[in-house]
Amino acid sequence: MSSVKKEKNFEIFEMSKTDIGQVFSIEKENFNFPWSQSIFNDCIDNGYICKVICNDEKIVGYSISSAFSLEFHIMNISIMKQFQNHGLARMMIQDSYINALKNNCNVIFLECRPSNKIAIHLYESEGFSEVGLRKDYYPSQNGKEDGIIFAKQIFNK
């Protein structure tokens, strides 16, 4: 792991394959329909921007993003339940701005369940705006749930 950003005893690193077990534990803790370990492995193998946030060497969250053309897509952000509401997801989003700019992107996209009011509030407080809807995007206990598409313009200086 090579350090990217440090703040308040939390540090963001590039994800490695040895991190996948801990990342998968967080994924299972937070999602009823978690990504598989092989999906995380494929993300690393295919050059996605895979980050972990650590507290004293312990992984407490992660993000998976991709950059293509001028667009940056945040595909997954998750923080261990005991570390939620401490600004760590915000740190991961803000780290995404840096990665988007490094990849010459000028817009960041992400999707969110309409039922995830806390995440929606976070995204809106970070300047994201609702730009669309993906019908039946997420699996849910009752079939499917829509995905709200959010976007934020960023500018290279």
Protein backbone atom coordinates (compact mmCIF):
# COMPACT_ATOMS: atom_id res chain seq x y z
CA MET A 1 0.00 0.00 0.00
CA SER A 2 1.29 3.43 -0.90
CA SER A 3 -0.29 6.34 0.91
CA VAL A 4 -2.37 8.86 -1.03
CA LYS A 5 -3.96 11.14 1.57
CA LYS A 6 -3.91 11.33 5.37
CA GLU A 7 -6.40 13.06 7.65
CA LYS A 8 -7.61 12.54 11.24
CA ASN A 9 -5.82 9.17 11.65
CA PHE A 10 -7.40 7.94 8.42
CA GLU A 11 -5.35 7.41 5.31
CA ILE A 12 -6.34 6.57 1.73
CA PHE A 13 -4.31 3.99 -0.18
CA GLU A 14 -4.46 2.20 -3.51
CA MET A 15 -6.30 -1.10 -3.03
CA SER A 16 -4.27 -4.26 -3.55
CA LYS A 17 -5.46 -7.80 -4.06
CA THR A 18 -4.45 -8.63 -0.48
CA ASP A 19 -7.07 -6.08 0.67
CA ILE A 20 -9.99 -7.81 -1.05
CA GLY A 21 -10.90 -10.04 1.90
CA GLN A 22 -11.35 -7.04 4.22
CA VAL A 23 -13.10 -5.04 1.49
CA PHE A 24 -15.50 -7.92 0.86
CA SER A 25 -16.33 -8.11 4.59
CA ILE A 26 -17.35 -4.44 4.52
CA GLU A 27 -19.35 -5.01 1.32
CA LYS A 28 -21.29 -7.89 2.93
CA GLU A 29 -21.89 -5.86 6.09
CA ASN A 30 -23.46 -2.96 4.18
CA PHE A 31 -25.29 -4.46 1.20
CA ASN A 32 -28.04 -7.07 0.89
CA PHE A 33 -26.80 -7.81 -2.63
CA PRO A 34 -23.01 -7.49 -2.32
CA TRP A 35 -20.46 -7.54 -5.09
CA SER A 36 -18.47 -10.78 -5.14
CA GLN A 37 -14.78 -11.01 -4.33
CA SER A 38 -14.13 -11.78 -7.99
CA ILE A 39 -15.72 -8.46 -9.01
CA PHE A 40 -13.25 -6.59 -6.78
CA ASN A 41 -10.42 -8.68 -8.19
CA ASP A 42 -11.56 -7.88 -11.75
CA CYS A 43 -11.72 -4.15 -10.93
CA ILE A 44 -8.07 -4.20 -9.87
CA ASP A 45 -7.05 -6.35 -12.87
CA ASN A 46 -8.83 -4.02 -15.30
CA GLY A 47 -7.25 -0.82 -14.05
CA TYR A 48 -10.20 0.67 -12.19
CA ILE A 49 -9.36 3.23 -9.53
CA CYS A 50 -9.62 1.13 -6.38
CA LYS A 51 -8.96 2.79 -3.03
CA VAL A 52 -9.15 1.82 0.63
CA ILE A 53 -9.35 4.07 3.64
CA CYS A 54 -7.52 2.83 6.70
CA ASN A 55 -7.35 3.60 10.40
CA ASP A 56 -4.07 2.34 11.86
CA GLU A 57 -3.57 -0.26 9.12
CA LYS A 58 -7.18 -1.50 9.39
CA ILE A 59 -9.31 -1.07 6.28
CA VAL A 60 -12.53 0.70 7.26
CA GLY A 61 -13.86 1.58 3.80
CA TYR A 62 -13.24 1.58 0.08
CA SER A 63 -14.19 3.10 -3.24
CA ILE A 64 -14.21 1.77 -6.78
CA SER A 65 -14.22 4.21 -9.70
CA SER A 66 -13.44 4.33 -13.38
CA ALA A 67 -12.31 7.02 -15.78
CA PHE A 68 -13.26 6.91 -19.44
CA SER A 69 -12.96 9.71 -21.94
CA LEU A 70 -13.90 12.86 -20.00
CA GLU A 71 -16.15 11.04 -17.51
CA PHE A 72 -15.36 9.70 -14.06
CA HIS A 73 -17.74 7.15 -12.53
CA ILE A 74 -17.89 6.38 -8.82
CA MET A 75 -19.25 2.85 -8.83
CA ASN A 76 -19.04 1.88 -5.17
CA ILE A 77 -18.24 3.59 -1.88
CA SER A 78 -18.70 1.82 1.43
CA ILE A 79 -17.60 2.47 5.01
CA MET A 80 -17.76 0.00 7.93
CA LYS A 81 -20.90 0.66 9.98
CA GLN A 82 -18.93 1.55 13.13
CA PHE A 83 -17.04 4.26 11.19
CA GLN A 84 -20.03 5.75 9.34
CA ASN A 85 -21.03 9.37 9.99
CA HIS A 86 -17.42 10.42 10.61
CA GLY A 87 -16.81 12.07 7.22
CA LEU A 88 -15.00 9.10 5.66
CA ALA A 89 -17.31 8.71 2.67
CA ARG A 90 -16.87 12.45 2.08
CA MET A 91 -13.08 11.95 2.17
CA MET A 92 -13.42 9.19 -0.42
CA ILE A 93 -15.56 11.40 -2.64
CA GLN A 94 -13.09 14.26 -2.33
CA ASP A 95 -10.27 11.87 -3.21
CA SER A 96 -12.29 11.00 -6.31
CA TYR A 97 -12.10 14.64 -7.43
CA ILE A 98 -8.31 14.39 -7.40
CA ASN A 99 -8.39 11.14 -9.38
CA ALA A 100 -10.89 12.54 -11.87
CA LEU A 101 -8.67 15.55 -12.51
CA LYS A 102 -5.59 13.32 -12.87
CA ASN A 103 -7.50 11.46 -15.59
CA ASN A 104 -8.54 14.70 -17.35
CA CYS A 105 -12.21 14.12 -16.59
CA ASN A 106 -14.61 17.04 -16.32
CA VAL A 107 -17.69 15.34 -14.89
CA ILE A 108 -18.22 12.79 -12.13
CA PHE A 109 -21.22 10.45 -12.17
CA LEU A 110 -22.63 8.09 -9.58
CA GLU A 111 -25.87 6.24 -8.90
CA CYS A 112 -27.74 5.96 -5.63
CA ARG A 113 -30.83 4.19 -4.40
CA PRO A 114 -33.71 6.65 -3.70
CA SER A 115 -34.08 4.92 -0.31
CA ASN A 116 -30.52 5.89 0.70
CA LYS A 117 -31.37 9.34 2.06
CA ILE A 118 -28.09 9.71 3.96
CA ALA A 119 -26.03 9.15 0.80
CA ILE A 120 -28.26 11.49 -1.21
CA HIS A 121 -27.73 14.22 1.38
CA LEU A 122 -23.95 13.65 1.22
CA TYR A 123 -23.85 13.80 -2.58
CA GLU A 124 -25.97 16.93 -2.71
CA SER A 125 -23.82 18.59 -0.03
CA GLU A 126 -20.79 17.84 -2.24
CA GLY A 127 -22.40 19.64 -5.18
CA PHE A 128 -23.83 16.67 -7.08
CA SER A 129 -27.15 17.20 -8.88
CA GLU A 130 -29.74 14.66 -9.97
CA VAL A 131 -29.52 14.28 -13.74
CA GLY A 132 -31.50 11.13 -14.45
CA LEU A 133 -33.01 7.87 -13.30
CA ARG A 134 -32.18 4.25 -14.11
CA LYS A 135 -35.39 2.27 -13.77
CA ASP A 136 -35.08 -1.03 -11.89
CA TYR A 137 -31.31 -0.56 -11.55
CA TYR A 138 -30.65 -2.19 -8.16
CA PRO A 139 -31.79 -5.59 -6.89
CA SER A 140 -33.90 -5.32 -3.74
CA GLN A 141 -35.85 -7.53 -1.37
CA ASN A 142 -39.04 -6.63 -3.28
CA GLY A 143 -37.66 -7.03 -6.81
CA LYS A 144 -35.86 -3.96 -8.14
CA GLU A 145 -35.18 -0.39 -7.03
CA ASP A 146 -34.46 2.57 -9.27
CA GLY A 147 -31.06 4.27 -9.33
CA ILE A 148 -30.86 8.06 -9.22
CA ILE A 149 -28.06 9.33 -11.46
CA PHE A 150 -26.06 12.19 -9.95
CA ALA A 151 -23.42 14.29 -11.68
CA LYS A 152 -20.96 16.98 -10.72
CA GLN A 153 -18.96 19.14 -13.11
CA ILE A 154 -15.29 19.58 -12.22
CA PHE A 155 -12.77 21.67 -14.01
CA ASN A 156 -9.08 21.18 -14.75
CA LYS A 157 -7.11 24.32 -14.08
